[in-house]
Amino acid sequence: MTPTEENVQTNEKEALQNYNYEIVGKPLQILSAPDVWAPYSAKEMMTFLIEYGYLEAIQGFTVLDLGTGSGIIGIMCGLLGAKQVTLTDYCHSAVNLALKNAHINGVAQAEAIDSDRFVALEGKTFDLIISNPPVQPWLFTDLEHTEARINSAAWNEAGADGRLVLDSLLKEGNLFLTEKGTMIFSCSTRHGHRYTTQLLDEHWTNNWQQIYAAEHTIDHSYHEPYIPTWLHLQTLDFDLRIYQKDLNGKHYAYYEQNQEKFYITTYFDTLAEEEVAVKMLINDDECYVLNQKGETLEILPITHEAIPKMNAEDNEWYYVYYLIRAVKNDNAEI
């Protein structure tokens, strides 16, 4: 969310901007700095969680806001009654700013810790881990000095595929939860959602659920430099990070490269009896439906309804933003 002009004031002494937000009727005053990621999707996340009761039992809880940025998620948890709020980030400026924002908003029970994912949290456990992790692949990050980044956009980068922080949550999060602890986090098709669900099944068995999904259009003013990386990654694993929609709403990405024309999309595999990710290789009058192994599942006539029909009136690219709830055991309180 971008606040209106009248809600922005500049603190000349510290080169900070002061933004006024409101989440479910709760006013927040949030300072922002040029090298700290602003709370864009965090507002969407917290609005849903509060409105649908996912944080009703938070009173008295210890909370970890991992990758806190401005601190807005942890601050909201504190205002809702959390006993202790720990704000962590790899960005030192974010850690300092988040703690300052917590105190401005009356969340005295907050502490802030410099931490690369869970590294500085050894031995600590929390009733709730909550996170809106970065999603972009490395582009503006100096890989020899990942701790020193030139602007806030670079702090929304996390690894060559954007998964560095998300994978840490999925693989290590349950080690930092109390016995009845819960983890709530966001993720996106831009991360590669099929792999996300594979890791959830591997590390959280049946103790997780998708609680929210919202489709968004790509913001070309910000996302444009990352689009080539996402398009390349999905040719490797057929997992649509960003997509277009055909006349029937079918998701696809169309490519012309190496003298080939093809779609990355999905197709109902009659043998597996499920929708699977495929590459549809287009020839003059036939379409070869290939799985990730390069095996031909089927050869279709070029007019077959399963082949995406490009929509000339919709040139937008889309992605989906998800919220996932995972519990350490079946008796978690949230």
C-alpha atoms as a PDB file:
ATOM      1  CA  MET A   1       0.000   0.000   0.000  1.00  0.00           C
ATOM      2  CA  THR A   2       1.219   3.496  -0.821  1.00  0.00           C
ATOM      3  CA  PRO A   3       0.036   6.140   1.659  1.00  0.00           C
ATOM      4  CA  THR A   4      -1.440   9.385   0.373  1.00  0.00           C
ATOM      5  CA  GLU A   5       0.762  12.467   0.132  1.00  0.00           C
ATOM      6  CA  GLU A   6      -0.865  14.172   3.109  1.00  0.00           C
ATOM      7  CA  ASN A   7       0.034  11.181   5.274  1.00  0.00           C
ATOM      8  CA  VAL A   8       3.753  11.524   4.591  1.00  0.00           C
ATOM      9  CA  GLN A   9       6.111  13.727   6.536  1.00  0.00           C
ATOM     10  CA  THR A  10       9.889  13.912   6.215  1.00  0.00           C
ATOM     11  CA  ASN A  11      12.258  13.787   9.151  1.00  0.00           C
ATOM     12  CA  GLU A  12      15.134  15.821   7.675  1.00  0.00           C
ATOM     13  CA  LYS A  13      17.560  15.005  10.492  1.00  0.00           C
ATOM     14  CA  GLU A  14      17.494  11.274   9.875  1.00  0.00           C
ATOM     15  CA  ALA A  15      16.318  11.231   6.223  1.00  0.00           C
ATOM     16  CA  LEU A  16      13.282   9.222   7.311  1.00  0.00           C
ATOM     17  CA  GLN A  17       9.721   9.496   6.116  1.00  0.00           C
ATOM     18  CA  ASN A  18       6.764   9.170   8.436  1.00  0.00           C
ATOM     19  CA  TYR A  19       3.781   7.203   7.064  1.00  0.00           C
ATOM     20  CA  ASN A  20       0.361   6.841   8.645  1.00  0.00           C
ATOM     21  CA  TYR A  21      -1.267   3.461   8.057  1.00  0.00           C
ATOM     22  CA  GLU A  22      -4.462   1.863   9.233  1.00  0.00           C
ATOM     23  CA  ILE A  23      -5.011  -1.884   9.503  1.00  0.00           C
ATOM     24  CA  VAL A  24      -8.484  -3.068  10.483  1.00  0.00           C
ATOM     25  CA  GLY A  25      -9.200   0.196  12.250  1.00  0.00           C
ATOM     26  CA  LYS A  26      -5.869   0.328  14.089  1.00  0.00           C
ATOM     27  CA  PRO A  27      -3.799   3.448  13.251  1.00  0.00           C
ATOM     28  CA  LEU A  28      -0.058   2.997  12.874  1.00  0.00           C
ATOM     29  CA  GLN A  29       2.753   5.489  12.517  1.00  0.00           C
ATOM     30  CA  ILE A  30       5.616   3.917  10.571  1.00  0.00           C
ATOM     31  CA  LEU A  31       8.967   5.524   9.803  1.00  0.00           C
ATOM     32  CA  SER A  32      10.496   4.497   6.480  1.00  0.00           C
ATOM     33  CA  ALA A  33      14.100   4.682   5.280  1.00  0.00           C
ATOM     34  CA  PRO A  34      15.568   4.420   1.757  1.00  0.00           C
ATOM     35  CA  ASP A  35      17.328   1.124   2.541  1.00  0.00           C
ATOM     36  CA  VAL A  36      14.432  -0.568   4.379  1.00  0.00           C
ATOM     37  CA  TRP A  37      11.697  -2.457   2.538  1.00  0.00           C
ATOM     38  CA  ALA A  38       8.327  -0.724   2.912  1.00  0.00           C
ATOM     39  CA  PRO A  39       5.220  -2.592   4.195  1.00  0.00           C
ATOM     40  CA  TYR A  40       3.383  -3.204   0.934  1.00  0.00           C
ATOM     41  CA  SER A  41       1.978  -6.757   1.016  1.00  0.00           C
ATOM     42  CA  ALA A  42       2.365  -6.848   4.821  1.00  0.00           C
ATOM     43  CA  LYS A  43      -0.799  -4.762   5.107  1.00  0.00           C
ATOM     44  CA  GLU A  44      -2.700  -7.232   2.908  1.00  0.00           C
ATOM     45  CA  MET A  45      -1.378 -10.096   5.030  1.00  0.00           C
ATOM     46  CA  MET A  46      -2.280  -8.623   8.408  1.00  0.00           C
ATOM     47  CA  THR A  47      -5.687  -7.374   7.292  1.00  0.00           C
ATOM     48  CA  PHE A  48      -6.703 -10.890   6.260  1.00  0.00           C
ATOM     49  CA  LEU A  49      -5.270 -12.595   9.353  1.00  0.00           C
ATOM     50  CA  ILE A  50      -7.058 -10.225  11.714  1.00  0.00           C
ATOM     51  CA  GLU A  51     -10.373 -10.099   9.874  1.00  0.00           C
ATOM     52  CA  TYR A  52     -10.586 -13.892   9.664  1.00  0.00           C
ATOM     53  CA  GLY A  53      -9.530 -14.559  13.241  1.00  0.00           C
ATOM     54  CA  TYR A  54      -6.173 -16.234  12.715  1.00  0.00           C
ATOM     55  CA  LEU A  55      -4.593 -14.069  15.435  1.00  0.00           C
ATOM     56  CA  GLU A  56      -7.430 -14.176  17.971  1.00  0.00           C
ATOM     57  CA  ALA A  57      -5.459 -16.348  20.408  1.00  0.00           C
ATOM     58  CA  ILE A  58      -2.283 -14.272  20.300  1.00  0.00           C
ATOM     59  CA  GLN A  59      -2.688 -12.746  23.772  1.00  0.00           C
ATOM     60  CA  GLY A  60       0.274 -13.797  25.929  1.00  0.00           C
ATOM     61  CA  PHE A  61       2.197 -15.331  23.029  1.00  0.00           C
ATOM     62  CA  THR A  62       5.862 -14.939  22.186  1.00  0.00           C
ATOM     63  CA  VAL A  63       6.133 -13.876  18.545  1.00  0.00           C
ATOM     64  CA  LEU A  64       8.972 -13.859  16.036  1.00  0.00           C
ATOM     65  CA  ASP A  65       8.613 -11.526  13.045  1.00  0.00           C
ATOM     66  CA  LEU A  66      11.349 -12.874  10.766  1.00  0.00           C
ATOM     67  CA  GLY A  67      12.456 -10.497   8.002  1.00  0.00           C
ATOM     68  CA  THR A  68      10.672  -7.682   9.776  1.00  0.00           C
ATOM     69  CA  GLY A  69      11.566  -4.760   7.495  1.00  0.00           C
ATOM     70  CA  SER A  70       9.751  -1.749   8.937  1.00  0.00           C
ATOM     71  CA  GLY A  71       8.422  -3.914  11.775  1.00  0.00           C
ATOM     72  CA  ILE A  72       4.749  -3.471  10.914  1.00  0.00           C
ATOM     73  CA  ILE A  73       3.794  -7.161  11.238  1.00  0.00           C
ATOM     74  CA  GLY A  74       5.424  -7.639  14.631  1.00  0.00           C
ATOM     75  CA  ILE A  75       4.059  -4.294  15.823  1.00  0.00           C
ATOM     76  CA  MET A  76       0.522  -5.359  14.949  1.00  0.00           C
ATOM     77  CA  CYS A  77       1.066  -8.605  16.855  1.00  0.00           C
ATOM     78  CA  GLY A  78       2.172  -6.564  19.860  1.00  0.00           C
ATOM     79  CA  LEU A  79      -0.863  -4.310  19.641  1.00  0.00           C
ATOM     80  CA  LEU A  80      -3.077  -7.413  19.506  1.00  0.00           C
ATOM     81  CA  GLY A  81      -1.682  -8.618  22.847  1.00  0.00           C
ATOM     82  CA  ALA A  82       1.484 -10.632  22.215  1.00  0.00           C
ATOM     83  CA  LYS A  83       3.551 -10.891  25.415  1.00  0.00           C
ATOM     84  CA  GLN A  84       6.920 -10.608  23.653  1.00  0.00           C
ATOM     85  CA  VAL A  85       7.712  -9.604  20.063  1.00  0.00           C
ATOM     86  CA  THR A  86      11.103 -10.346  18.511  1.00  0.00           C
ATOM     87  CA  LEU A  87      11.860  -8.390  15.325  1.00  0.00           C
ATOM     88  CA  THR A  88      14.671  -9.811  13.188  1.00  0.00           C
ATOM     89  CA  ASP A  89      16.219  -8.885   9.863  1.00  0.00           C
ATOM     90  CA  TYR A  90      19.489  -9.323   7.987  1.00  0.00           C
ATOM     91  CA  CYS A  91      19.376  -5.590   7.243  1.00  0.00           C
ATOM     92  CA  HIS A  92      20.890  -3.691  10.186  1.00  0.00           C
ATOM     93  CA  SER A  93      19.006  -0.505   9.279  1.00  0.00           C
ATOM     94  CA  ALA A  94      15.731  -2.432   9.307  1.00  0.00           C
ATOM     95  CA  VAL A  95      16.422  -3.829  12.784  1.00  0.00           C
ATOM     96  CA  ASN A  96      17.054  -0.351  14.192  1.00  0.00           C
ATOM     97  CA  LEU A  97      14.078   1.161  12.389  1.00  0.00           C
ATOM     98  CA  ALA A  98      11.685  -1.650  13.365  1.00  0.00           C
ATOM     99  CA  LEU A  99      12.489  -1.216  17.051  1.00  0.00           C
ATOM    100  CA  LYS A 100      12.030   2.546  16.764  1.00  0.00           C
ATOM    101  CA  ASN A 101       8.659   1.988  15.042  1.00  0.00           C
ATOM    102  CA  ALA A 102       7.623  -0.444  17.774  1.00  0.00           C
ATOM    103  CA  HIS A 103       8.300   2.142  20.473  1.00  0.00           C
ATOM    104  CA  ILE A 104       6.523   4.906  18.506  1.00  0.00           C
ATOM    105  CA  ASN A 105       3.429   2.702  18.398  1.00  0.00           C
ATOM    106  CA  GLY A 106       3.550   1.781  22.074  1.00  0.00           C
ATOM    107  CA  VAL A 107       4.838  -1.792  21.695  1.00  0.00           C
ATOM    108  CA  ALA A 108       7.271  -1.738  24.610  1.00  0.00           C
ATOM    109  CA  GLN A 109       7.495  -5.554  24.691  1.00  0.00           C
ATOM    110  CA  ALA A 110       9.515  -5.612  21.439  1.00  0.00           C
ATOM    111  CA  GLU A 111      13.153  -6.544  20.992  1.00  0.00           C
ATOM    112  CA  ALA A 112      15.152  -6.360  17.751  1.00  0.00           C
ATOM    113  CA  ILE A 113      17.950  -8.700  16.660  1.00  0.00           C
ATOM    114  CA  ASP A 114      20.265  -8.660  13.659  1.00  0.00           C
ATOM    115  CA  SER A 115      19.922 -12.142  12.171  1.00  0.00           C
ATOM    116  CA  ASP A 116      20.462 -13.814   8.827  1.00  0.00           C
ATOM    117  CA  ARG A 117      17.350 -15.963   8.879  1.00  0.00           C
ATOM    118  CA  PHE A 118      17.517 -18.074  12.091  1.00  0.00           C
ATOM    119  CA  VAL A 119      21.286 -17.834  12.630  1.00  0.00           C
ATOM    120  CA  ALA A 120      21.209 -15.525  15.682  1.00  0.00           C
ATOM    121  CA  LEU A 121      18.191 -17.244  17.270  1.00  0.00           C
ATOM    122  CA  GLU A 122      19.780 -20.508  18.382  1.00  0.00           C
ATOM    123  CA  GLY A 123      18.098 -21.822  21.534  1.00  0.00           C
ATOM    124  CA  LYS A 124      15.042 -19.584  21.244  1.00  0.00           C
ATOM    125  CA  THR A 125      11.502 -20.821  20.608  1.00  0.00           C
ATOM    126  CA  PHE A 126       8.302 -18.921  19.884  1.00  0.00           C
ATOM    127  CA  ASP A 127       4.574 -19.531  20.075  1.00  0.00           C
ATOM    128  CA  LEU A 128       4.141 -17.850  16.692  1.00  0.00           C
ATOM    129  CA  ILE A 129       6.574 -17.289  13.845  1.00  0.00           C
ATOM    130  CA  ILE A 130       5.152 -14.866  11.306  1.00  0.00           C
ATOM    131  CA  SER A 131       6.904 -13.731   8.145  1.00  0.00           C
ATOM    132  CA  ASN A 132       6.381 -11.930   4.857  1.00  0.00           C
ATOM    133  CA  PRO A 133       9.691 -13.044   3.282  1.00  0.00           C
ATOM    134  CA  PRO A 134      11.475 -11.482   0.300  1.00  0.00           C
ATOM    135  CA  VAL A 135      10.679 -12.932  -3.091  1.00  0.00           C
ATOM    136  CA  GLN A 136      12.839 -11.407  -5.827  1.00  0.00           C
ATOM    137  CA  PRO A 137      15.913 -13.142  -7.295  1.00  0.00           C
ATOM    138  CA  TRP A 138      19.282 -11.478  -6.892  1.00  0.00           C
ATOM    139  CA  LEU A 139      19.737  -8.627  -9.332  1.00  0.00           C
ATOM    140  CA  PHE A 140      20.876  -5.467  -7.527  1.00  0.00           C
ATOM    141  CA  THR A 141      22.593  -7.313  -4.660  1.00  0.00           C
ATOM    142  CA  ASP A 142      26.392  -7.308  -4.443  1.00  0.00           C
ATOM    143  CA  LEU A 143      26.968 -11.023  -3.849  1.00  0.00           C
ATOM    144  CA  GLU A 144      30.337 -10.376  -2.218  1.00  0.00           C
ATOM    145  CA  HIS A 145      28.717  -8.011   0.287  1.00  0.00           C
ATOM    146  CA  THR A 146      25.134  -9.197   0.693  1.00  0.00           C
ATOM    147  CA  GLU A 147      24.872  -7.395   4.035  1.00  0.00           C
ATOM    148  CA  ALA A 148      25.371  -3.976   2.367  1.00  0.00           C
ATOM    149  CA  ARG A 149      22.705  -3.147  -0.232  1.00  0.00           C
ATOM    150  CA  ILE A 150      22.155   0.136  -1.983  1.00  0.00           C
ATOM    151  CA  ASN A 151      18.381   0.425  -1.696  1.00  0.00           C
ATOM    152  CA  SER A 152      15.243  -1.187  -0.320  1.00  0.00           C
ATOM    153  CA  ALA A 153      14.523  -3.078  -3.566  1.00  0.00           C
ATOM    154  CA  ALA A 154      17.738  -5.044  -3.086  1.00  0.00           C
ATOM    155  CA  TRP A 155      16.531  -6.066   0.378  1.00  0.00           C
ATOM    156  CA  ASN A 156      13.561  -7.804  -1.265  1.00  0.00           C
ATOM    157  CA  GLU A 157      16.032 -10.097  -3.051  1.00  0.00           C
ATOM    158  CA  ALA A 158      16.852 -13.485  -1.572  1.00  0.00           C
ATOM    159  CA  GLY A 159      19.012 -15.857  -3.553  1.00  0.00           C
ATOM    160  CA  ALA A 160      19.344 -16.660  -7.238  1.00  0.00           C
ATOM    161  CA  ASP A 161      15.751 -17.888  -7.285  1.00  0.00           C
ATOM    162  CA  GLY A 162      14.318 -15.642  -4.543  1.00  0.00           C
ATOM    163  CA  ARG A 163      13.789 -18.585  -2.167  1.00  0.00           C
ATOM    164  CA  LEU A 164      16.595 -18.125   0.361  1.00  0.00           C
ATOM    165  CA  VAL A 165      14.469 -16.890   3.285  1.00  0.00           C
ATOM    166  CA  LEU A 166      11.350 -18.865   2.370  1.00  0.00           C
ATOM    167  CA  ASP A 167      13.272 -22.152   2.266  1.00  0.00           C
ATOM    168  CA  SER A 168      14.760 -21.423   5.688  1.00  0.00           C
ATOM    169  CA  LEU A 169      11.257 -20.942   7.093  1.00  0.00           C
ATOM    170  CA  LEU A 170      10.077 -24.190   5.540  1.00  0.00           C
ATOM    171  CA  LYS A 171      13.074 -26.307   6.539  1.00  0.00           C
ATOM    172  CA  GLU A 172      13.971 -24.813   9.932  1.00  0.00           C
ATOM    173  CA  GLY A 173      10.882 -23.040  11.223  1.00  0.00           C
ATOM    174  CA  ASN A 174       9.526 -25.942  13.272  1.00  0.00           C
ATOM    175  CA  LEU A 175      12.819 -26.081  15.228  1.00  0.00           C
ATOM    176  CA  PHE A 176      12.091 -22.609  16.628  1.00  0.00           C
ATOM    177  CA  LEU A 177       8.476 -23.196  17.636  1.00  0.00           C
ATOM    178  CA  THR A 178       7.179 -24.128  21.062  1.00  0.00           C
ATOM    179  CA  GLU A 179       5.413 -27.480  21.329  1.00  0.00           C
ATOM    180  CA  LYS A 180       2.052 -25.994  20.308  1.00  0.00           C
ATOM    181  CA  GLY A 181       3.554 -23.310  18.075  1.00  0.00           C
ATOM    182  CA  THR A 182       2.284 -22.014  14.758  1.00  0.00           C
ATOM    183  CA  MET A 183       3.987 -20.487  11.744  1.00  0.00           C
ATOM    184  CA  ILE A 184       2.142 -18.158   9.367  1.00  0.00           C
ATOM    185  CA  PHE A 185       3.952 -16.872   6.308  1.00  0.00           C
ATOM    186  CA  SER A 186       3.408 -15.522   2.844  1.00  0.00           C
ATOM    187  CA  CYS A 187       4.732 -16.958  -0.384  1.00  0.00           C
ATOM    188  CA  SER A 188       4.088 -16.436  -4.062  1.00  0.00           C
ATOM    189  CA  THR A 189       4.037 -18.177  -7.391  1.00  0.00           C
ATOM    190  CA  ARG A 190       7.105 -16.001  -8.023  1.00  0.00           C
ATOM    191  CA  HIS A 191       8.954 -18.230  -5.547  1.00  0.00           C
ATOM    192  CA  GLY A 192       7.984 -21.339  -7.528  1.00  0.00           C
ATOM    193  CA  HIS A 193       4.911 -22.573  -5.691  1.00  0.00           C
ATOM    194  CA  ARG A 194       5.084 -26.239  -6.578  1.00  0.00           C
ATOM    195  CA  TYR A 195       8.437 -26.574  -4.813  1.00  0.00           C
ATOM    196  CA  THR A 196       7.014 -24.667  -1.841  1.00  0.00           C
ATOM    197  CA  THR A 197       4.237 -27.221  -1.437  1.00  0.00           C
ATOM    198  CA  GLN A 198       6.746 -30.073  -1.812  1.00  0.00           C
ATOM    199  CA  LEU A 199       8.808 -28.676   1.076  1.00  0.00           C
ATOM    200  CA  LEU A 200       5.676 -28.173   3.172  1.00  0.00           C
ATOM    201  CA  ASP A 201       4.714 -31.801   2.641  1.00  0.00           C
ATOM    202  CA  GLU A 202       8.253 -32.907   3.468  1.00  0.00           C
ATOM    203  CA  HIS A 203       8.829 -30.846   6.614  1.00  0.00           C
ATOM    204  CA  TRP A 204       5.289 -30.256   7.931  1.00  0.00           C
ATOM    205  CA  THR A 205       3.536 -33.447   6.727  1.00  0.00           C
ATOM    206  CA  ASN A 206      -0.201 -32.854   7.074  1.00  0.00           C
ATOM    207  CA  ASN A 207       0.092 -29.946   9.513  1.00  0.00           C
ATOM    208  CA  TRP A 208      -0.227 -27.096   7.038  1.00  0.00           C
ATOM    209  CA  GLN A 209      -2.919 -25.388   5.020  1.00  0.00           C
ATOM    210  CA  GLN A 210      -3.212 -22.615   2.459  1.00  0.00           C
ATOM    211  CA  ILE A 211      -5.468 -20.015   4.047  1.00  0.00           C
ATOM    212  CA  TYR A 212      -5.368 -17.230   1.469  1.00  0.00           C
ATOM    213  CA  ALA A 213      -4.687 -16.711  -2.231  1.00  0.00           C
ATOM    214  CA  ALA A 214      -4.963 -13.488  -4.196  1.00  0.00           C
ATOM    215  CA  GLU A 215      -4.075 -12.835  -7.812  1.00  0.00           C
ATOM    216  CA  HIS A 216      -2.113  -9.659  -8.562  1.00  0.00           C
ATOM    217  CA  THR A 217      -0.871  -8.066 -11.756  1.00  0.00           C
ATOM    218  CA  ILE A 218       2.832  -7.552 -12.266  1.00  0.00           C
ATOM    219  CA  ASP A 219       3.885  -3.978 -11.503  1.00  0.00           C
ATOM    220  CA  HIS A 220       6.152  -3.199 -14.433  1.00  0.00           C
ATOM    221  CA  SER A 221       7.549  -0.089 -12.759  1.00  0.00           C
ATOM    222  CA  TYR A 222       9.140  -2.373 -10.153  1.00  0.00           C
ATOM    223  CA  HIS A 223       9.051  -5.985 -11.391  1.00  0.00           C
ATOM    224  CA  GLU A 224      10.257  -5.418 -14.960  1.00  0.00           C
ATOM    225  CA  PRO A 225      13.981  -6.163 -14.345  1.00  0.00           C
ATOM    226  CA  TYR A 226      13.102  -9.489 -12.673  1.00  0.00           C
ATOM    227  CA  ILE A 227      10.780 -10.791 -15.390  1.00  0.00           C
ATOM    228  CA  PRO A 228      13.529 -12.385 -17.552  1.00  0.00           C
ATOM    229  CA  THR A 229      14.767 -14.416 -14.569  1.00  0.00           C
ATOM    230  CA  TRP A 230      11.284 -15.671 -13.698  1.00  0.00           C
ATOM    231  CA  LEU A 231      10.589 -16.545 -17.336  1.00  0.00           C
ATOM    232  CA  HIS A 232      13.871 -18.447 -17.537  1.00  0.00           C
ATOM    233  CA  LEU A 233      13.352 -20.352 -14.281  1.00  0.00           C
ATOM    234  CA  GLN A 234       9.938 -21.602 -15.347  1.00  0.00           C
ATOM    235  CA  THR A 235      11.329 -23.063 -18.575  1.00  0.00           C
ATOM    236  CA  LEU A 236      13.513 -25.271 -16.356  1.00  0.00           C
ATOM    237  CA  ASP A 237      10.877 -26.633 -13.969  1.00  0.00           C
ATOM    238  CA  PHE A 238       7.570 -25.715 -15.711  1.00  0.00           C
ATOM    239  CA  ASP A 239       6.420 -23.998 -12.491  1.00  0.00           C
ATOM    240  CA  LEU A 240       4.687 -20.779 -13.556  1.00  0.00           C
ATOM    241  CA  ARG A 241       6.049 -17.951 -11.441  1.00  0.00           C
ATOM    242  CA  ILE A 242       4.307 -15.345 -13.575  1.00  0.00           C
ATOM    243  CA  TYR A 243       1.706 -16.056 -16.209  1.00  0.00           C
ATOM    244  CA  GLN A 244      -0.766 -14.676 -18.701  1.00  0.00           C
ATOM    245  CA  LYS A 245      -4.374 -15.786 -19.091  1.00  0.00           C
ATOM    246  CA  ASP A 246      -5.981 -16.989 -22.307  1.00  0.00           C
ATOM    247  CA  LEU A 247      -9.558 -16.416 -23.450  1.00  0.00           C
ATOM    248  CA  ASN A 248     -10.766 -19.175 -21.110  1.00  0.00           C
ATOM    249  CA  GLY A 249      -8.690 -18.028 -18.127  1.00  0.00           C
ATOM    250  CA  LYS A 250      -6.060 -20.747 -18.595  1.00  0.00           C
ATOM    251  CA  HIS A 251      -2.624 -19.813 -17.212  1.00  0.00           C
ATOM    252  CA  TYR A 252       0.337 -19.938 -19.570  1.00  0.00           C
ATOM    253  CA  ALA A 253       3.591 -18.347 -20.659  1.00  0.00           C
ATOM    254  CA  TYR A 254       4.453 -18.279 -24.349  1.00  0.00           C
ATOM    255  CA  TYR A 255       8.031 -18.492 -25.673  1.00  0.00           C
ATOM    256  CA  GLU A 256       9.816 -18.218 -28.983  1.00  0.00           C
ATOM    257  CA  GLN A 257      13.437 -19.258 -28.529  1.00  0.00           C
ATOM    258  CA  ASN A 258      15.999 -21.501 -30.220  1.00  0.00           C
ATOM    259  CA  GLN A 259      13.702 -21.725 -33.254  1.00  0.00           C
ATOM    260  CA  GLU A 260      10.972 -23.250 -31.077  1.00  0.00           C
ATOM    261  CA  LYS A 261       7.526 -21.960 -30.209  1.00  0.00           C
ATOM    262  CA  PHE A 262       6.072 -23.334 -27.003  1.00  0.00           C
ATOM    263  CA  TYR A 263       3.846 -22.757 -24.000  1.00  0.00           C
ATOM    264  CA  ILE A 264       4.521 -23.515 -20.365  1.00  0.00           C
ATOM    265  CA  THR A 265       1.117 -24.392 -18.947  1.00  0.00           C
ATOM    266  CA  THR A 266      -0.820 -27.302 -17.428  1.00  0.00           C
ATOM    267  CA  TYR A 267      -2.532 -30.331 -18.944  1.00  0.00           C
ATOM    268  CA  PHE A 268      -4.697 -33.118 -17.561  1.00  0.00           C
ATOM    269  CA  ASP A 269      -2.618 -36.286 -17.644  1.00  0.00           C
ATOM    270  CA  THR A 270      -5.067 -39.163 -18.074  1.00  0.00           C
ATOM    271  CA  LEU A 271      -2.558 -41.728 -16.795  1.00  0.00           C
ATOM    272  CA  ALA A 272      -1.737 -39.794 -13.636  1.00  0.00           C
ATOM    273  CA  GLU A 273      -5.361 -38.594 -13.423  1.00  0.00           C
ATOM    274  CA  GLU A 274      -4.281 -35.105 -12.450  1.00  0.00           C
ATOM    275  CA  GLU A 275      -3.386 -31.713 -13.866  1.00  0.00           C
ATOM    276  CA  VAL A 276       0.359 -31.579 -14.497  1.00  0.00           C
ATOM    277  CA  ALA A 277       2.823 -28.898 -15.572  1.00  0.00           C
ATOM    278  CA  VAL A 278       3.855 -29.300 -19.204  1.00  0.00           C
ATOM    279  CA  LYS A 279       5.626 -27.760 -22.143  1.00  0.00           C
ATOM    280  CA  MET A 280       3.478 -27.575 -25.269  1.00  0.00           C
ATOM    281  CA  LEU A 281       5.746 -27.535 -28.311  1.00  0.00           C
ATOM    282  CA  ILE A 282       3.977 -26.010 -31.318  1.00  0.00           C
ATOM    283  CA  ASN A 283       4.586 -27.167 -34.893  1.00  0.00           C
ATOM    284  CA  ASP A 284       2.650 -26.199 -38.000  1.00  0.00           C
ATOM    285  CA  ASP A 285      -0.293 -28.517 -37.405  1.00  0.00           C
ATOM    286  CA  GLU A 286       0.544 -30.414 -34.192  1.00  0.00           C
ATOM    287  CA  CYS A 287       1.289 -29.751 -30.546  1.00  0.00           C
ATOM    288  CA  TYR A 288       3.605 -32.047 -28.594  1.00  0.00           C
ATOM    289  CA  VAL A 289       2.741 -32.148 -24.880  1.00  0.00           C
ATOM    290  CA  LEU A 290       5.970 -32.827 -22.969  1.00  0.00           C
ATOM    291  CA  ASN A 291       6.532 -33.474 -19.286  1.00  0.00           C
ATOM    292  CA  GLN A 292       9.564 -32.258 -17.311  1.00  0.00           C
ATOM    293  CA  LYS A 293      11.553 -35.329 -18.355  1.00  0.00           C
ATOM    294  CA  GLY A 294      11.022 -34.427 -22.007  1.00  0.00           C
ATOM    295  CA  GLU A 295       8.691 -37.383 -22.509  1.00  0.00           C
ATOM    296  CA  THR A 296       5.767 -36.930 -24.883  1.00  0.00           C
ATOM    297  CA  LEU A 297       2.483 -37.313 -23.035  1.00  0.00           C
ATOM    298  CA  GLU A 298       0.321 -36.702 -26.066  1.00  0.00           C
ATOM    299  CA  ILE A 299       0.282 -35.217 -29.572  1.00  0.00           C
ATOM    300  CA  LEU A 300      -2.623 -32.840 -30.113  1.00  0.00           C
ATOM    301  CA  PRO A 301      -4.047 -31.197 -33.217  1.00  0.00           C
ATOM    302  CA  ILE A 302      -3.198 -27.506 -33.263  1.00  0.00           C
ATOM    303  CA  THR A 303      -6.873 -26.661 -32.753  1.00  0.00           C
ATOM    304  CA  HIS A 304      -7.223 -28.691 -29.534  1.00  0.00           C
ATOM    305  CA  GLU A 305      -9.010 -26.869 -26.705  1.00  0.00           C
ATOM    306  CA  ALA A 306      -6.221 -27.651 -24.212  1.00  0.00           C
ATOM    307  CA  ILE A 307      -3.785 -25.415 -26.102  1.00  0.00           C
ATOM    308  CA  PRO A 308      -3.925 -21.838 -24.751  1.00  0.00           C
ATOM    309  CA  LYS A 309      -5.747 -19.324 -26.927  1.00  0.00           C
ATOM    310  CA  MET A 310      -3.884 -16.048 -26.534  1.00  0.00           C
ATOM    311  CA  ASN A 311      -6.018 -13.075 -25.538  1.00  0.00           C
ATOM    312  CA  ALA A 312      -5.052 -10.010 -27.533  1.00  0.00           C
ATOM    313  CA  GLU A 313      -7.047  -7.800 -25.157  1.00  0.00           C
ATOM    314  CA  ASP A 314      -5.177  -8.870 -22.036  1.00  0.00           C
ATOM    315  CA  ASN A 315      -1.416  -8.421 -22.140  1.00  0.00           C
ATOM    316  CA  GLU A 316      -0.988  -8.374 -18.366  1.00  0.00           C
ATOM    317  CA  TRP A 317       1.276 -10.721 -16.460  1.00  0.00           C
ATOM    318  CA  TYR A 318      -0.026 -12.128 -13.180  1.00  0.00           C
ATOM    319  CA  TYR A 319       1.160 -13.877 -10.028  1.00  0.00           C
ATOM    320  CA  VAL A 320      -0.559 -15.267  -6.941  1.00  0.00           C
ATOM    321  CA  TYR A 321       0.180 -14.205  -3.364  1.00  0.00           C
ATOM    322  CA  TYR A 322      -0.502 -16.912  -0.744  1.00  0.00           C
ATOM    323  CA  LEU A 323      -0.683 -17.166   3.015  1.00  0.00           C
ATOM    324  CA  ILE A 324       0.191 -20.504   4.624  1.00  0.00           C
ATOM    325  CA  ARG A 325      -0.496 -21.655   8.171  1.00  0.00           C
ATOM    326  CA  ALA A 326       1.638 -24.503   9.537  1.00  0.00           C
ATOM    327  CA  VAL A 327       1.552 -25.962  13.038  1.00  0.00           C
ATOM    328  CA  LYS A 328       4.097 -27.993  14.985  1.00  0.00           C
ATOM    329  CA  ASN A 329       1.391 -30.391  16.099  1.00  0.00           C
ATOM    330  CA  ASP A 330      -2.359 -30.776  15.738  1.00  0.00           C
ATOM    331  CA  ASN A 331      -3.083 -29.079  19.061  1.00  0.00           C
ATOM    332  CA  ALA A 332      -1.749 -25.602  18.158  1.00  0.00           C
ATOM    333  CA  GLU A 333      -3.833 -22.762  19.595  1.00  0.00           C
ATOM    334  CA  ILE A 334      -4.002 -20.423  16.592  1.00  0.00           C
END
